[in-house]
């Protein structure tokens, strides 16, 4: 039967794929996770665990950082954000993904989403003292004077 998908298993599979793609067309999957895996996982790990003593554990520290005074500015200015080849909108999506994934749903609801404009502005002032600044934020002292 030429017109019947049952007579051609490949055609049936193609129809199923077309239906699935059509069903997802209104909600295309975000590339944020893929960008995280390609651009951030090398240091932070697939699960956000980081490198003990060198790269922060996003699962443990991200919620505290984003909630701290100056924490949003810190996250926007870390080297991985300011030096990436991703477009500002893509970086904003990755930041929002990491907040949802590693900071938790409650944190993601509390903070406004990162925007492409914020990312673009932050690129002009990269953070030079990453470790010292992070320690200050997690210790409660905020960004150092001068923001560097």
N, C-alpha and C. Protein backbone atom coordinates (compact mmCIF):
# COMPACT_ATOMS: atom_id res chain seq x y z
N UNK A 1 0.84 -1.18 0.00
CA UNK A 1 0.00 0.00 0.00
C UNK A 1 0.88 1.24 0.00
N UNK A 2 0.82 1.95 -1.06
CA UNK A 2 1.68 3.11 -1.19
C UNK A 2 1.25 4.22 -0.24
N UNK A 3 -0.01 4.46 -0.07
CA UNK A 3 -0.47 5.56 0.78
C UNK A 3 -0.51 5.23 2.25
N UNK A 4 -0.21 4.02 2.65
CA UNK A 4 -0.33 3.63 4.05
C UNK A 4 1.03 3.63 4.75
N UNK A 5 1.15 4.32 5.88
CA UNK A 5 2.39 4.27 6.64
C UNK A 5 2.73 2.87 7.13
N UNK A 6 1.68 2.02 7.30
CA UNK A 6 1.91 0.67 7.80
C UNK A 6 2.73 -0.15 6.81
N UNK A 7 2.60 0.14 5.56
CA UNK A 7 3.36 -0.58 4.55
C UNK A 7 4.81 -0.14 4.46
N UNK A 8 5.15 0.96 5.07
CA UNK A 8 6.51 1.49 5.03
C UNK A 8 6.91 1.95 6.43
N UNK A 9 7.67 1.15 7.16
CA UNK A 9 8.04 1.53 8.52
C UNK A 9 8.80 2.86 8.58
N UNK A 10 9.62 3.14 7.59
CA UNK A 10 10.37 4.40 7.58
C UNK A 10 9.46 5.61 7.47
N UNK A 11 8.39 5.47 6.70
CA UNK A 11 7.43 6.56 6.54
C UNK A 11 6.69 6.79 7.86
N UNK A 12 6.33 5.70 8.53
CA UNK A 12 5.65 5.82 9.82
C UNK A 12 6.52 6.56 10.83
N UNK A 13 7.80 6.21 10.86
CA UNK A 13 8.72 6.88 11.77
C UNK A 13 8.85 8.35 11.42
N UNK A 14 8.92 8.66 10.13
CA UNK A 14 9.02 10.04 9.68
C UNK A 14 7.79 10.83 10.09
N UNK A 15 6.63 10.22 9.98
CA UNK A 15 5.39 10.89 10.38
C UNK A 15 5.41 11.17 11.88
N UNK A 16 5.86 10.19 12.68
CA UNK A 16 5.93 10.40 14.12
C UNK A 16 6.90 11.53 14.48
N UNK A 17 8.03 11.59 13.81
CA UNK A 17 8.99 12.66 14.06
C UNK A 17 8.38 14.00 13.68
N UNK A 18 7.72 14.06 12.53
CA UNK A 18 7.11 15.31 12.09
C UNK A 18 6.05 15.79 13.08
N UNK A 19 5.25 14.86 13.59
CA UNK A 19 4.23 15.23 14.58
C UNK A 19 4.89 15.73 15.85
N UNK A 20 5.94 15.05 16.31
CA UNK A 20 6.64 15.46 17.53
C UNK A 20 7.27 16.83 17.36
N UNK A 21 7.91 17.07 16.21
CA UNK A 21 8.52 18.37 15.96
C UNK A 21 7.45 19.44 15.89
N UNK A 22 6.36 19.16 15.24
CA UNK A 22 5.27 20.11 15.16
C UNK A 22 4.70 20.45 16.53
N UNK A 23 4.59 19.45 17.37
CA UNK A 23 4.07 19.67 18.72
C UNK A 23 5.00 20.54 19.54
N UNK A 24 6.30 20.47 19.27
CA UNK A 24 7.29 21.23 20.03
C UNK A 24 7.59 22.59 19.41
N UNK A 25 7.08 22.86 18.23
CA UNK A 25 7.43 24.08 17.52
C UNK A 25 7.07 25.33 18.31
N UNK A 26 5.98 25.27 19.08
CA UNK A 26 5.59 26.43 19.88
C UNK A 26 6.51 26.64 21.08
N UNK A 27 7.23 25.62 21.50
CA UNK A 27 8.10 25.69 22.67
C UNK A 27 9.46 25.08 22.33
N UNK A 28 10.27 25.78 21.51
CA UNK A 28 11.57 25.20 21.14
C UNK A 28 12.45 25.07 22.38
N UNK A 29 13.23 24.01 22.45
CA UNK A 29 14.08 23.82 23.62
C UNK A 29 15.14 24.91 23.71
N UNK A 30 15.41 25.33 24.92
CA UNK A 30 16.42 26.35 25.15
C UNK A 30 17.81 25.78 24.91
N UNK A 31 18.66 26.60 24.40
CA UNK A 31 20.05 26.18 24.22
C UNK A 31 20.89 26.49 25.46
N UNK A 32 20.26 27.05 26.48
CA UNK A 32 21.02 27.46 27.66
C UNK A 32 21.80 26.30 28.28
N UNK A 33 21.18 25.14 28.41
CA UNK A 33 21.89 23.99 28.99
C UNK A 33 23.07 23.59 28.11
N UNK A 34 22.86 23.56 26.80
CA UNK A 34 23.96 23.19 25.91
C UNK A 34 25.09 24.21 26.00
N UNK A 35 24.73 25.49 26.08
CA UNK A 35 25.77 26.52 26.23
C UNK A 35 26.50 26.36 27.56
N UNK A 36 25.75 26.04 28.62
CA UNK A 36 26.40 25.80 29.92
C UNK A 36 27.40 24.65 29.77
N UNK A 37 26.97 23.57 29.15
CA UNK A 37 27.85 22.40 29.01
C UNK A 37 29.08 22.73 28.17
N UNK A 38 28.93 23.52 27.15
CA UNK A 38 30.06 23.85 26.27
C UNK A 38 30.98 24.91 26.86
N UNK A 39 30.42 25.87 27.59
CA UNK A 39 31.22 27.03 28.00
C UNK A 39 31.51 27.09 29.50
N UNK A 40 30.78 26.37 30.31
CA UNK A 40 30.93 26.50 31.76
C UNK A 40 31.34 25.21 32.45
N UNK A 41 30.95 24.08 31.86
CA UNK A 41 31.17 22.79 32.49
C UNK A 41 32.64 22.48 32.73
N UNK A 42 33.53 23.00 31.89
CA UNK A 42 34.95 22.71 32.05
C UNK A 42 35.46 23.06 33.43
N UNK A 43 34.96 24.11 34.01
CA UNK A 43 35.37 24.51 35.37
C UNK A 43 34.34 24.13 36.42
N UNK A 44 33.06 24.40 36.13
CA UNK A 44 32.01 24.18 37.13
C UNK A 44 31.48 22.76 37.17
N UNK A 45 31.80 21.96 36.17
CA UNK A 45 31.30 20.59 36.12
C UNK A 45 29.87 20.52 35.63
N UNK A 46 29.51 19.37 35.10
CA UNK A 46 28.16 19.19 34.58
C UNK A 46 27.11 19.41 35.66
N UNK A 47 27.43 19.00 36.87
CA UNK A 47 26.47 19.11 37.97
C UNK A 47 26.66 20.36 38.81
N UNK A 48 27.54 21.28 38.39
CA UNK A 48 27.75 22.53 39.11
C UNK A 48 28.64 22.41 40.33
N UNK A 49 29.29 21.26 40.52
CA UNK A 49 30.08 21.02 41.73
C UNK A 49 31.37 21.84 41.80
N UNK A 50 31.85 22.37 40.67
CA UNK A 50 33.07 23.16 40.68
C UNK A 50 34.30 22.32 40.98
N UNK A 51 35.36 23.00 41.38
CA UNK A 51 36.63 22.35 41.76
C UNK A 51 36.98 22.81 43.16
N UNK A 52 36.99 21.92 44.08
CA UNK A 52 37.19 22.25 45.49
C UNK A 52 38.40 23.17 45.68
N UNK A 53 38.14 24.30 46.30
CA UNK A 53 39.19 25.26 46.59
C UNK A 53 39.59 26.15 45.43
N UNK A 54 39.03 25.91 44.23
CA UNK A 54 39.40 26.72 43.07
C UNK A 54 38.21 27.35 42.36
N UNK A 55 37.17 26.56 42.13
CA UNK A 55 35.98 27.03 41.42
C UNK A 55 34.78 26.74 42.31
N UNK A 56 33.93 27.75 42.55
CA UNK A 56 32.83 27.55 43.50
C UNK A 56 31.84 26.47 43.07
N UNK A 57 31.26 25.84 44.05
CA UNK A 57 30.20 24.86 43.87
C UNK A 57 28.91 25.65 43.67
N UNK A 58 28.40 25.66 42.46
CA UNK A 58 27.20 26.43 42.17
C UNK A 58 26.00 25.93 42.97
N UNK A 59 25.97 24.65 43.24
CA UNK A 59 24.85 24.08 44.01
C UNK A 59 24.81 24.64 45.42
N UNK A 60 25.97 24.94 45.97
CA UNK A 60 26.08 25.43 47.33
C UNK A 60 26.10 26.95 47.40
N UNK A 61 26.79 27.60 46.45
CA UNK A 61 27.07 29.02 46.58
C UNK A 61 26.23 29.96 45.72
N UNK A 62 25.63 29.46 44.64
CA UNK A 62 24.96 30.36 43.72
C UNK A 62 23.80 31.11 44.37
N UNK A 63 22.97 30.44 45.12
CA UNK A 63 21.83 31.10 45.77
C UNK A 63 22.32 32.19 46.72
N UNK A 64 23.38 31.91 47.46
CA UNK A 64 23.94 32.91 48.38
C UNK A 64 24.54 34.09 47.62
N UNK A 65 25.24 33.80 46.51
CA UNK A 65 25.86 34.87 45.74
C UNK A 65 24.82 35.79 45.11
N UNK A 66 23.82 35.22 44.48
CA UNK A 66 22.83 36.04 43.78
C UNK A 66 21.99 36.85 44.76
N UNK A 67 21.85 36.39 45.99
CA UNK A 67 21.07 37.10 47.00
C UNK A 67 21.89 38.16 47.74
N UNK A 68 23.21 38.05 47.71
CA UNK A 68 24.07 38.97 48.44
C UNK A 68 24.09 40.35 47.78
N UNK A 69 24.20 41.42 48.59
CA UNK A 69 24.39 42.74 47.98
C UNK A 69 25.65 42.70 47.10
N UNK A 70 25.50 43.09 45.87
CA UNK A 70 26.63 43.06 44.95
C UNK A 70 26.80 41.72 44.24
N UNK A 71 26.04 40.72 44.62
CA UNK A 71 26.18 39.39 44.04
C UNK A 71 25.79 39.33 42.58
N UNK A 72 24.76 40.05 42.22
CA UNK A 72 24.33 40.07 40.82
C UNK A 72 25.43 40.68 39.95
N UNK A 73 26.00 41.79 40.40
CA UNK A 73 27.09 42.45 39.67
C UNK A 73 28.29 41.52 39.57
N UNK A 74 28.56 40.78 40.64
CA UNK A 74 29.67 39.82 40.63
C UNK A 74 29.45 38.76 39.55
N UNK A 75 28.28 38.15 39.54
CA UNK A 75 27.99 37.10 38.56
C UNK A 75 28.08 37.60 37.13
N UNK A 76 27.69 38.85 36.93
CA UNK A 76 27.74 39.42 35.58
C UNK A 76 29.17 39.73 35.14
N UNK A 77 30.11 39.79 36.08
CA UNK A 77 31.46 40.23 35.74
C UNK A 77 32.54 39.16 35.87
N UNK A 78 32.16 37.94 36.24
CA UNK A 78 33.18 36.88 36.33
C UNK A 78 33.73 36.60 34.94
N UNK A 79 34.97 36.11 34.84
CA UNK A 79 35.60 35.92 33.53
C UNK A 79 34.80 35.08 32.55
N UNK A 80 34.15 34.04 33.01
CA UNK A 80 33.37 33.20 32.10
C UNK A 80 32.22 33.94 31.44
N UNK A 81 31.73 34.97 32.08
CA UNK A 81 30.64 35.78 31.53
C UNK A 81 31.19 36.88 30.64
N UNK A 82 32.21 37.58 31.10
CA UNK A 82 32.72 38.73 30.34
C UNK A 82 33.59 38.33 29.15
N UNK A 83 34.17 37.13 29.18
CA UNK A 83 35.11 36.75 28.13
C UNK A 83 34.58 35.69 27.17
N UNK A 84 33.37 35.26 27.33
CA UNK A 84 32.82 34.22 26.45
C UNK A 84 32.55 34.76 25.04
N UNK A 85 32.49 33.87 24.10
CA UNK A 85 32.15 34.24 22.72
C UNK A 85 30.64 34.26 22.50
N UNK A 86 29.87 33.85 23.49
CA UNK A 86 28.41 33.87 23.36
C UNK A 86 27.91 35.31 23.29
N UNK A 87 26.81 35.50 22.60
CA UNK A 87 26.16 36.81 22.53
C UNK A 87 25.56 37.13 23.90
N UNK A 88 25.41 38.42 24.22
CA UNK A 88 24.83 38.80 25.52
C UNK A 88 23.50 38.11 25.83
N UNK A 89 22.63 37.97 24.85
CA UNK A 89 21.33 37.30 25.10
C UNK A 89 21.55 35.84 25.48
N UNK A 90 22.51 35.19 24.85
CA UNK A 90 22.80 33.79 25.17
C UNK A 90 23.39 33.67 26.56
N UNK A 91 24.25 34.61 26.93
CA UNK A 91 24.84 34.59 28.27
C UNK A 91 23.75 34.80 29.32
N UNK A 92 22.84 35.72 29.05
CA UNK A 92 21.73 35.94 29.99
C UNK A 92 20.92 34.66 30.17
N UNK A 93 20.67 33.94 29.07
CA UNK A 93 19.94 32.67 29.15
C UNK A 93 20.71 31.65 29.99
N UNK A 94 22.03 31.61 29.82
CA UNK A 94 22.84 30.66 30.60
C UNK A 94 22.81 31.05 32.08
N UNK A 95 22.93 32.33 32.38
CA UNK A 95 22.85 32.77 33.78
C UNK A 95 21.51 32.40 34.39
N UNK A 96 20.44 32.64 33.65
CA UNK A 96 19.10 32.29 34.16
C UNK A 96 18.94 30.78 34.32
N UNK A 97 19.50 30.02 33.40
CA UNK A 97 19.49 28.56 33.52
C UNK A 97 20.23 28.13 34.79
N UNK A 98 21.41 28.69 35.02
CA UNK A 98 22.20 28.26 36.19
C UNK A 98 21.48 28.62 37.49
N UNK A 99 20.83 29.77 37.50
CA UNK A 99 20.07 30.15 38.71
C UNK A 99 18.95 29.14 38.95
N UNK A 100 18.21 28.78 37.90
CA UNK A 100 17.13 27.80 38.06
C UNK A 100 17.67 26.43 38.43
N UNK A 101 18.71 26.01 37.73
CA UNK A 101 19.24 24.65 37.90
C UNK A 101 19.97 24.46 39.22
N UNK A 102 20.80 25.41 39.60
CA UNK A 102 21.66 25.23 40.77
C UNK A 102 21.25 26.09 41.97
N UNK A 103 20.50 27.15 41.73
CA UNK A 103 20.05 28.00 42.83
C UNK A 103 18.71 27.58 43.39
N UNK A 104 17.94 26.88 42.57
CA UNK A 104 16.64 26.40 43.02
C UNK A 104 15.50 27.28 42.55
N UNK A 105 14.33 26.70 42.54
CA UNK A 105 13.13 27.37 42.03
C UNK A 105 12.79 28.62 42.85
N UNK A 106 12.94 28.56 44.15
CA UNK A 106 12.61 29.70 45.00
C UNK A 106 13.51 30.90 44.68
N UNK A 107 14.79 30.65 44.52
CA UNK A 107 15.74 31.72 44.17
C UNK A 107 15.38 32.28 42.80
N UNK A 108 15.10 31.41 41.85
CA UNK A 108 14.75 31.85 40.50
C UNK A 108 13.49 32.71 40.49
N UNK A 109 12.55 32.45 41.38
CA UNK A 109 11.33 33.27 41.47
C UNK A 109 11.62 34.62 42.12
N UNK A 110 12.57 34.66 43.05
CA UNK A 110 12.85 35.88 43.81
C UNK A 110 13.65 36.92 43.03
N UNK A 111 14.54 36.49 42.19
CA UNK A 111 15.40 37.46 41.51
C UNK A 111 14.91 37.72 40.10
N UNK A 112 15.07 38.94 39.63
CA UNK A 112 14.68 39.20 38.24
C UNK A 112 15.62 38.48 37.28
N UNK A 113 15.12 38.06 36.15
CA UNK A 113 15.99 37.37 35.18
C UNK A 113 17.11 38.30 34.70
N UNK A 114 18.26 37.70 34.42
CA UNK A 114 19.36 38.44 33.83
C UNK A 114 18.95 38.82 32.41
N UNK A 115 19.45 39.97 31.94
CA UNK A 115 19.10 40.45 30.61
C UNK A 115 20.34 40.61 29.74
N UNK A 116 20.12 40.64 28.45
CA UNK A 116 21.22 40.85 27.50
C UNK A 116 21.87 42.22 27.74
N UNK A 117 21.06 43.23 28.07
CA UNK A 117 21.61 44.57 28.31
C UNK A 117 22.56 44.57 29.50
N UNK A 118 22.19 43.86 30.57
CA UNK A 118 23.08 43.77 31.74
C UNK A 118 24.40 43.10 31.37
N UNK A 119 24.31 42.02 30.63
CA UNK A 119 25.50 41.27 30.23
C UNK A 119 26.40 42.16 29.38
N UNK A 120 25.82 42.85 28.41
CA UNK A 120 26.61 43.71 27.52
C UNK A 120 27.30 44.82 28.32
N UNK A 121 26.60 45.41 29.26
CA UNK A 121 27.19 46.48 30.07
C UNK A 121 28.31 45.94 30.96
N UNK A 122 28.13 44.76 31.51
CA UNK A 122 29.13 44.18 32.43
C UNK A 122 30.43 43.82 31.71
N UNK A 123 30.34 43.53 30.44
CA UNK A 123 31.54 43.14 29.69
C UNK A 123 32.58 44.26 29.64
N UNK A 124 32.15 45.49 29.83
CA UNK A 124 33.11 46.59 29.79
C UNK A 124 33.91 46.73 31.08
N UNK A 125 33.48 46.04 32.14
CA UNK A 125 34.20 46.10 33.42
C UNK A 125 34.38 44.70 34.00
N UNK A 126 35.26 43.91 33.40
CA UNK A 126 35.46 42.55 33.93
C UNK A 126 36.02 42.59 35.34
N UNK A 127 35.72 41.57 36.10
CA UNK A 127 36.17 41.44 37.48
C UNK A 127 37.60 40.91 37.49
N UNK A 128 38.48 41.62 38.18
CA UNK A 128 39.89 41.22 38.22
C UNK A 128 40.22 40.39 39.45
N UNK A 129 39.58 40.66 40.55
CA UNK A 129 39.85 39.95 41.81
C UNK A 129 38.69 39.01 42.13
N UNK A 130 38.57 37.95 41.35
CA UNK A 130 37.41 37.06 41.44
C UNK A 130 37.33 36.37 42.80
N UNK A 131 38.41 35.74 43.21
CA UNK A 131 38.40 34.96 44.46
C UNK A 131 38.17 35.85 45.68
N UNK A 132 38.86 36.97 45.74
CA UNK A 132 38.71 37.89 46.87
C UNK A 132 37.29 38.45 46.92
N UNK A 133 36.78 38.83 45.76
CA UNK A 133 35.43 39.39 45.70
C UNK A 133 34.40 38.35 46.13
N UNK A 134 34.54 37.13 45.62
CA UNK A 134 33.60 36.06 45.99
C UNK A 134 33.64 35.81 47.49
N UNK A 135 34.83 35.75 48.06
CA UNK A 135 34.95 35.51 49.50
C UNK A 135 34.28 36.64 50.28
N UNK A 136 34.44 37.88 49.81
CA UNK A 136 33.79 39.00 50.47
C UNK A 136 32.28 38.92 50.39
N UNK A 137 31.78 38.53 49.25
CA UNK A 137 30.34 38.41 49.09
C UNK A 137 29.77 37.30 49.97
N UNK A 138 30.43 36.18 49.97
CA UNK A 138 29.93 35.05 50.77
C UNK A 138 30.12 35.31 52.26
N UNK A 139 31.09 36.17 52.58
CA UNK A 139 31.33 36.53 53.98
C UNK A 139 30.49 37.71 54.43
N UNK A 140 29.81 38.34 53.50
CA UNK A 140 28.90 39.42 53.86
C UNK A 140 29.43 40.82 53.66
N UNK A 141 30.62 40.99 53.12
CA UNK A 141 31.16 42.35 52.99
C UNK A 141 30.85 43.01 51.66
N UNK A 142 30.25 42.30 50.72
CA UNK A 142 29.88 42.89 49.44
C UNK A 142 31.06 43.09 48.51
N UNK A 143 30.80 43.81 47.41
CA UNK A 143 31.86 44.09 46.45
C UNK A 143 32.86 45.07 47.05
N UNK A 144 34.15 44.87 46.78
CA UNK A 144 35.13 45.82 47.29
C UNK A 144 34.94 47.19 46.65
N UNK A 145 35.40 48.23 47.33
CA UNK A 145 35.31 49.58 46.80
C UNK A 145 36.04 49.64 45.46
N UNK A 146 35.41 50.25 44.49
CA UNK A 146 35.99 50.32 43.15
C UNK A 146 35.53 49.16 42.28
N UNK A 147 34.99 48.12 42.84
CA UNK A 147 34.40 47.04 42.08
C UNK A 147 35.36 46.16 41.31
N UNK A 148 36.65 46.30 41.46
CA UNK A 148 37.60 45.51 40.69
C UNK A 148 38.02 44.34 41.56
